[in-house]
N, C-alpha and C. Protein backbone atom coordinates (compact mmCIF):
# COMPACT_ATOMS: atom_id res chain seq x y z
N UNK A 1 97.35 163.31 117.98
CA UNK A 1 97.40 163.51 116.54
C UNK A 1 97.55 162.15 115.87
N UNK A 2 96.71 161.87 114.92
CA UNK A 2 96.68 160.59 114.22
C UNK A 2 97.93 160.42 113.35
N UNK A 3 98.59 159.28 113.48
CA UNK A 3 99.82 159.02 112.73
C UNK A 3 99.58 159.05 111.22
N UNK A 4 98.44 158.53 110.77
CA UNK A 4 98.12 158.53 109.34
C UNK A 4 97.98 159.96 108.80
N UNK A 5 97.44 160.84 109.64
CA UNK A 5 97.31 162.25 109.25
C UNK A 5 98.69 162.88 109.06
N UNK A 6 99.60 162.58 109.97
CA UNK A 6 100.97 163.10 109.87
C UNK A 6 101.63 162.58 108.59
N UNK A 7 101.47 161.30 108.30
CA UNK A 7 102.05 160.73 107.08
C UNK A 7 101.45 161.40 105.84
N UNK A 8 100.16 161.63 105.86
CA UNK A 8 99.49 162.30 104.74
C UNK A 8 100.04 163.72 104.56
N UNK A 9 100.19 164.44 105.67
CA UNK A 9 100.75 165.80 105.61
C UNK A 9 102.16 165.79 105.04
N UNK A 10 102.97 164.85 105.49
CA UNK A 10 104.34 164.74 104.96
C UNK A 10 104.32 164.51 103.45
N UNK A 11 103.40 163.69 102.99
CA UNK A 11 103.27 163.43 101.56
C UNK A 11 102.82 164.68 100.81
N UNK A 12 101.78 165.33 101.29
CA UNK A 12 101.24 166.53 100.63
C UNK A 12 102.29 167.62 100.55
N UNK A 13 103.02 167.85 101.62
CA UNK A 13 103.96 168.97 101.66
C UNK A 13 105.39 168.58 101.25
N UNK A 14 105.57 167.35 100.77
CA UNK A 14 106.88 166.96 100.27
C UNK A 14 107.26 167.76 99.03
N UNK A 15 106.26 168.32 98.34
CA UNK A 15 106.51 169.13 97.14
C UNK A 15 106.97 170.56 97.49
N UNK A 16 106.84 170.93 98.75
CA UNK A 16 107.22 172.29 99.18
C UNK A 16 108.63 172.21 99.75
N UNK A 17 109.59 172.89 99.11
CA UNK A 17 111.00 172.77 99.51
C UNK A 17 111.25 173.02 100.99
N UNK A 18 112.10 172.18 101.57
CA UNK A 18 112.62 172.34 102.94
C UNK A 18 111.54 172.39 104.02
N UNK A 19 110.37 171.84 103.76
CA UNK A 19 109.30 171.88 104.76
C UNK A 19 109.48 170.76 105.77
N UNK A 20 109.37 171.12 107.04
CA UNK A 20 109.38 170.14 108.12
C UNK A 20 108.10 170.32 108.93
N UNK A 21 107.71 169.25 109.60
CA UNK A 21 106.50 169.27 110.42
C UNK A 21 106.88 169.15 111.88
N UNK A 22 106.14 169.88 112.73
CA UNK A 22 106.40 169.82 114.16
C UNK A 22 105.04 169.81 114.88
N UNK A 23 104.81 168.80 115.72
CA UNK A 23 103.57 168.73 116.48
C UNK A 23 103.52 169.89 117.46
N UNK A 24 102.36 170.56 117.48
CA UNK A 24 102.17 171.68 118.41
C UNK A 24 100.71 172.11 118.40
N UNK A 25 100.26 172.77 119.43
CA UNK A 25 98.91 173.35 119.52
C UNK A 25 97.80 172.32 119.27
N UNK A 26 98.05 171.06 119.50
CA UNK A 26 97.05 170.06 119.17
C UNK A 26 96.95 169.85 117.67
N UNK A 27 97.93 170.36 116.95
CA UNK A 27 97.98 170.21 115.50
C UNK A 27 99.43 170.04 115.08
N UNK A 28 99.72 170.47 113.87
CA UNK A 28 101.07 170.35 113.33
C UNK A 28 101.48 171.67 112.70
N UNK A 29 102.65 172.18 113.10
CA UNK A 29 103.19 173.39 112.49
C UNK A 29 103.98 173.02 111.25
N UNK A 30 103.86 173.85 110.21
CA UNK A 30 104.62 173.68 108.97
C UNK A 30 105.75 174.70 109.00
N UNK A 31 106.98 174.20 108.95
CA UNK A 31 108.16 175.06 109.12
C UNK A 31 109.08 174.96 107.91
N UNK A 32 109.80 176.03 107.72
CA UNK A 32 110.85 176.08 106.70
C UNK A 32 111.93 177.01 107.22
N UNK A 33 113.12 176.48 107.35
CA UNK A 33 114.28 177.26 107.79
C UNK A 33 114.01 178.01 109.10
N UNK A 34 113.32 177.32 110.01
CA UNK A 34 113.08 177.88 111.34
C UNK A 34 111.82 178.71 111.47
N UNK A 35 111.15 179.00 110.37
CA UNK A 35 109.96 179.85 110.41
C UNK A 35 108.69 179.04 110.19
N UNK A 36 107.70 179.28 111.02
CA UNK A 36 106.41 178.63 110.85
C UNK A 36 105.60 179.42 109.84
N UNK A 37 105.20 178.76 108.75
CA UNK A 37 104.45 179.42 107.69
C UNK A 37 103.06 178.82 107.51
N UNK A 38 102.78 177.76 108.24
CA UNK A 38 101.46 177.15 108.13
C UNK A 38 101.17 176.25 109.30
N UNK A 39 99.92 175.84 109.42
CA UNK A 39 99.55 174.91 110.47
C UNK A 39 98.45 173.99 109.96
N UNK A 40 98.51 172.77 110.42
CA UNK A 40 97.50 171.77 110.09
C UNK A 40 96.80 171.42 111.40
N UNK A 41 95.50 171.60 111.41
CA UNK A 41 94.72 171.39 112.62
C UNK A 41 94.25 169.94 112.71
N UNK A 42 93.96 169.51 113.92
CA UNK A 42 93.54 168.12 114.13
C UNK A 42 92.21 167.80 113.45
N UNK A 43 91.44 168.83 113.10
CA UNK A 43 90.16 168.59 112.41
C UNK A 43 90.33 168.45 110.90
N UNK A 44 91.60 168.48 110.43
CA UNK A 44 91.88 168.29 109.02
C UNK A 44 92.03 169.56 108.21
N UNK A 45 91.72 170.69 108.81
CA UNK A 45 91.88 171.95 108.07
C UNK A 45 93.32 172.41 108.14
N UNK A 46 93.73 173.13 107.10
CA UNK A 46 95.09 173.63 106.98
C UNK A 46 95.02 175.14 106.77
N UNK A 47 95.93 175.86 107.43
CA UNK A 47 95.96 177.32 107.31
C UNK A 47 97.39 177.76 107.02
N UNK A 48 97.51 178.77 106.17
CA UNK A 48 98.81 179.34 105.81
C UNK A 48 98.91 180.77 106.34
N UNK A 49 100.12 181.20 106.64
CA UNK A 49 100.37 182.55 107.12
C UNK A 49 100.09 183.56 106.00
N UNK A 50 99.42 184.63 106.36
CA UNK A 50 99.11 185.69 105.41
C UNK A 50 99.23 187.03 106.12
N UNK A 51 99.35 188.09 105.33
CA UNK A 51 99.36 189.44 105.86
C UNK A 51 98.29 190.25 105.13
N UNK A 52 98.26 191.54 105.36
CA UNK A 52 97.22 192.37 104.75
C UNK A 52 97.21 192.25 103.22
N UNK A 53 98.38 192.12 102.64
CA UNK A 53 98.49 192.02 101.19
C UNK A 53 98.03 190.66 100.66
N UNK A 54 98.49 189.59 101.29
CA UNK A 54 98.21 188.25 100.76
C UNK A 54 96.88 187.67 101.23
N UNK A 55 96.32 188.20 102.31
CA UNK A 55 95.03 187.70 102.80
C UNK A 55 93.92 187.89 101.78
N UNK A 56 94.10 188.83 100.86
CA UNK A 56 93.08 189.08 99.85
C UNK A 56 92.81 187.84 98.99
N UNK A 57 93.82 187.04 98.74
CA UNK A 57 93.63 185.81 97.95
C UNK A 57 92.74 184.82 98.70
N UNK A 58 92.90 184.75 100.02
CA UNK A 58 92.08 183.85 100.83
C UNK A 58 90.64 184.36 100.89
N UNK A 59 90.50 185.65 101.05
CA UNK A 59 89.16 186.26 101.09
C UNK A 59 88.46 186.03 99.76
N UNK A 60 89.18 186.18 98.65
CA UNK A 60 88.59 185.95 97.33
C UNK A 60 88.12 184.51 97.16
N UNK A 61 88.74 183.59 97.89
CA UNK A 61 88.35 182.17 97.85
C UNK A 61 87.29 181.84 98.90
N UNK A 62 86.84 182.87 99.63
CA UNK A 62 85.81 182.65 100.65
C UNK A 62 86.31 182.01 101.93
N UNK A 63 87.61 182.14 102.18
CA UNK A 63 88.21 181.51 103.36
C UNK A 63 88.20 182.47 104.56
N UNK A 64 88.31 181.89 105.74
CA UNK A 64 88.30 182.64 107.00
C UNK A 64 89.67 182.57 107.67
N UNK A 65 89.91 183.53 108.54
CA UNK A 65 91.15 183.53 109.31
C UNK A 65 91.00 182.59 110.51
N UNK A 66 92.04 181.79 110.75
CA UNK A 66 92.05 180.89 111.90
C UNK A 66 92.14 181.73 113.17
N UNK A 67 91.39 181.32 114.18
CA UNK A 67 91.44 182.00 115.47
C UNK A 67 91.25 180.95 116.57
N UNK A 68 91.60 181.34 117.78
CA UNK A 68 91.38 180.46 118.92
C UNK A 68 91.06 181.29 120.14
N UNK A 69 90.45 180.66 121.12
CA UNK A 69 90.12 181.35 122.38
C UNK A 69 91.38 181.45 123.22
N UNK A 70 91.57 182.64 123.79
CA UNK A 70 92.75 182.82 124.65
C UNK A 70 92.37 182.66 126.12
N UNK A 71 93.37 182.73 126.99
CA UNK A 71 93.15 182.50 128.42
C UNK A 71 92.21 183.51 129.06
N UNK A 72 92.15 184.72 128.52
CA UNK A 72 91.29 185.75 129.11
C UNK A 72 89.87 185.70 128.55
N UNK A 73 89.59 184.68 127.71
CA UNK A 73 88.25 184.52 127.17
C UNK A 73 88.01 185.23 125.86
N UNK A 74 89.02 185.91 125.35
CA UNK A 74 88.90 186.60 124.08
C UNK A 74 89.29 185.70 122.92
N UNK A 75 89.29 186.27 121.75
CA UNK A 75 89.67 185.56 120.53
C UNK A 75 91.02 186.09 120.05
N UNK A 76 91.92 185.18 119.72
CA UNK A 76 93.23 185.55 119.20
C UNK A 76 93.34 185.12 117.75
N UNK A 77 93.78 186.05 116.91
CA UNK A 77 94.05 185.76 115.51
C UNK A 77 95.54 185.98 115.30
N UNK A 78 96.16 185.06 114.56
CA UNK A 78 97.61 185.12 114.40
C UNK A 78 98.05 185.22 112.95
N UNK A 79 97.13 185.56 112.06
CA UNK A 79 97.50 185.77 110.67
C UNK A 79 97.57 184.50 109.84
N UNK A 80 96.90 183.44 110.27
CA UNK A 80 96.83 182.21 109.49
C UNK A 80 95.43 182.08 108.91
N UNK A 81 95.36 181.80 107.62
CA UNK A 81 94.09 181.70 106.91
C UNK A 81 93.91 180.30 106.36
N UNK A 82 92.69 179.77 106.50
CA UNK A 82 92.39 178.44 105.96
C UNK A 82 92.58 178.45 104.45
N UNK A 83 93.20 177.39 103.95
CA UNK A 83 93.42 177.30 102.51
C UNK A 83 92.19 176.69 101.84
N UNK A 84 91.95 177.05 100.59
CA UNK A 84 90.85 176.39 99.86
C UNK A 84 91.22 174.92 99.60
N UNK A 85 90.25 174.04 99.68
CA UNK A 85 90.51 172.61 99.54
C UNK A 85 91.10 172.23 98.19
N UNK A 86 90.78 172.97 97.14
CA UNK A 86 91.27 172.62 95.81
C UNK A 86 92.80 172.67 95.73
N UNK A 87 93.43 173.43 96.63
CA UNK A 87 94.90 173.51 96.61
C UNK A 87 95.54 172.14 96.84
N UNK A 88 94.88 171.30 97.60
CA UNK A 88 95.44 169.99 97.91
C UNK A 88 95.49 169.07 96.70
N UNK A 89 94.76 169.43 95.64
CA UNK A 89 94.74 168.65 94.41
C UNK A 89 95.60 169.27 93.31
N UNK A 90 96.26 170.38 93.60
CA UNK A 90 97.05 171.09 92.59
C UNK A 90 98.43 171.39 93.18
N UNK A 91 99.38 170.50 92.94
CA UNK A 91 100.72 170.62 93.54
C UNK A 91 101.39 171.94 93.23
N UNK A 92 101.28 172.40 91.99
CA UNK A 92 101.92 173.66 91.61
C UNK A 92 101.32 174.84 92.37
N UNK A 93 100.00 174.89 92.45
CA UNK A 93 99.34 175.99 93.17
C UNK A 93 99.63 175.90 94.66
N UNK A 94 99.63 174.68 95.21
CA UNK A 94 99.95 174.50 96.63
C UNK A 94 101.35 175.03 96.92
N UNK A 95 102.29 174.70 96.07
CA UNK A 95 103.67 175.16 96.24
C UNK A 95 103.74 176.69 96.16
N UNK A 96 103.01 177.27 95.23
CA UNK A 96 102.99 178.73 95.08
C UNK A 96 102.42 179.41 96.33
N UNK A 97 101.29 178.91 96.81
CA UNK A 97 100.66 179.50 98.00
C UNK A 97 101.56 179.28 99.23
N UNK A 98 102.18 178.12 99.33
CA UNK A 98 103.07 177.84 100.45
C UNK A 98 104.28 178.76 100.42
N UNK A 99 104.85 178.98 99.24
CA UNK A 99 105.99 179.90 99.13
C UNK A 99 105.59 181.33 99.49
N UNK A 100 104.39 181.71 99.12
CA UNK A 100 103.90 183.04 99.49
C UNK A 100 103.75 183.14 101.01
N UNK A 101 103.24 182.08 101.64
CA UNK A 101 103.10 182.06 103.10
C UNK A 101 104.47 182.14 103.77
N UNK A 102 105.45 181.45 103.20
CA UNK A 102 106.82 181.53 103.73
C UNK A 102 107.37 182.95 103.59
N UNK A 103 107.09 183.59 102.46
CA UNK A 103 107.54 184.98 102.27
C UNK A 103 106.93 185.89 103.33
N UNK A 104 105.67 185.67 103.68
CA UNK A 104 105.02 186.45 104.74
C UNK A 104 105.74 186.21 106.06
N UNK A 105 106.05 184.95 106.36
CA UNK A 105 106.78 184.63 107.60
C UNK A 105 108.15 185.30 107.61
N UNK A 106 108.82 185.34 106.46
CA UNK A 106 110.12 186.00 106.35
C UNK A 106 109.99 187.50 106.63
N UNK A 107 108.99 188.14 106.03
CA UNK A 107 108.80 189.58 106.24
C UNK A 107 108.53 189.87 107.71
N UNK A 108 107.71 189.04 108.35
CA UNK A 108 107.41 189.24 109.78
C UNK A 108 108.68 189.04 110.62
N UNK A 109 109.47 188.04 110.27
CA UNK A 109 110.70 187.77 111.02
C UNK A 109 111.70 188.91 110.85
N UNK A 110 111.79 189.47 109.66
CA UNK A 110 112.73 190.57 109.40
C UNK A 110 112.38 191.84 110.16
N UNK A 111 111.14 191.97 110.61
CA UNK A 111 110.73 193.15 111.38
C UNK A 111 111.18 193.05 112.84
N UNK A 112 111.59 191.87 113.26
CA UNK A 112 112.01 191.66 114.64
C UNK A 112 113.46 192.11 114.81
N UNK A 113 113.85 192.43 116.04
CA UNK A 113 115.27 192.72 116.30
C UNK A 113 116.10 191.48 115.95
N UNK A 114 117.32 191.66 115.49
CA UNK A 114 118.15 190.51 115.09
C UNK A 114 118.22 189.39 116.12
N UNK A 115 118.24 189.72 117.38
CA UNK A 115 118.36 188.68 118.42
C UNK A 115 117.08 187.84 118.57
N UNK A 116 115.97 188.32 118.04
CA UNK A 116 114.68 187.61 118.16
C UNK A 116 114.30 186.86 116.88
N UNK A 117 115.08 187.03 115.82
CA UNK A 117 114.74 186.40 114.55
C UNK A 117 114.94 184.90 114.62
N UNK A 118 114.07 184.16 113.91
CA UNK A 118 114.10 182.70 113.92
C UNK A 118 114.60 182.08 112.63
N UNK A 119 114.75 182.89 111.58
CA UNK A 119 115.19 182.39 110.29
C UNK A 119 116.57 181.77 110.43
N UNK A 120 116.75 180.59 109.82
CA UNK A 120 118.02 179.90 109.87
C UNK A 120 118.61 179.79 108.47
N UNK A 121 119.83 180.27 108.32
CA UNK A 121 120.56 180.15 107.04
C UNK A 121 120.90 178.69 106.82
N UNK A 122 120.96 178.32 105.56
CA UNK A 122 121.36 176.93 105.24
C UNK A 122 122.87 176.79 105.28
């Protein structure tokens, strides 16, 4: 992962409260309070977590769901959708979409048994 890309990501997401970056999957995970709500891929694309309700905004923008090949040769989708590029030029909209992605991560985490939850209280 290119160091300049990491620095750029830190700058872009500095406007999103409590966001931390963690290298993973050949990319970078976007985390907040222990929950992964987005990912930045090594090819420069960024995807945010969405569910059936929030994915409609991505579809309306003509975006696709991120997927990868799994070990058995199939395709795995994990509920992350590529963000429209214009978001990177609009800090307020980026923050809104990022907060929505975090809300999706929270809802998914709350469905897990308490011992499996990753959310961390401040």
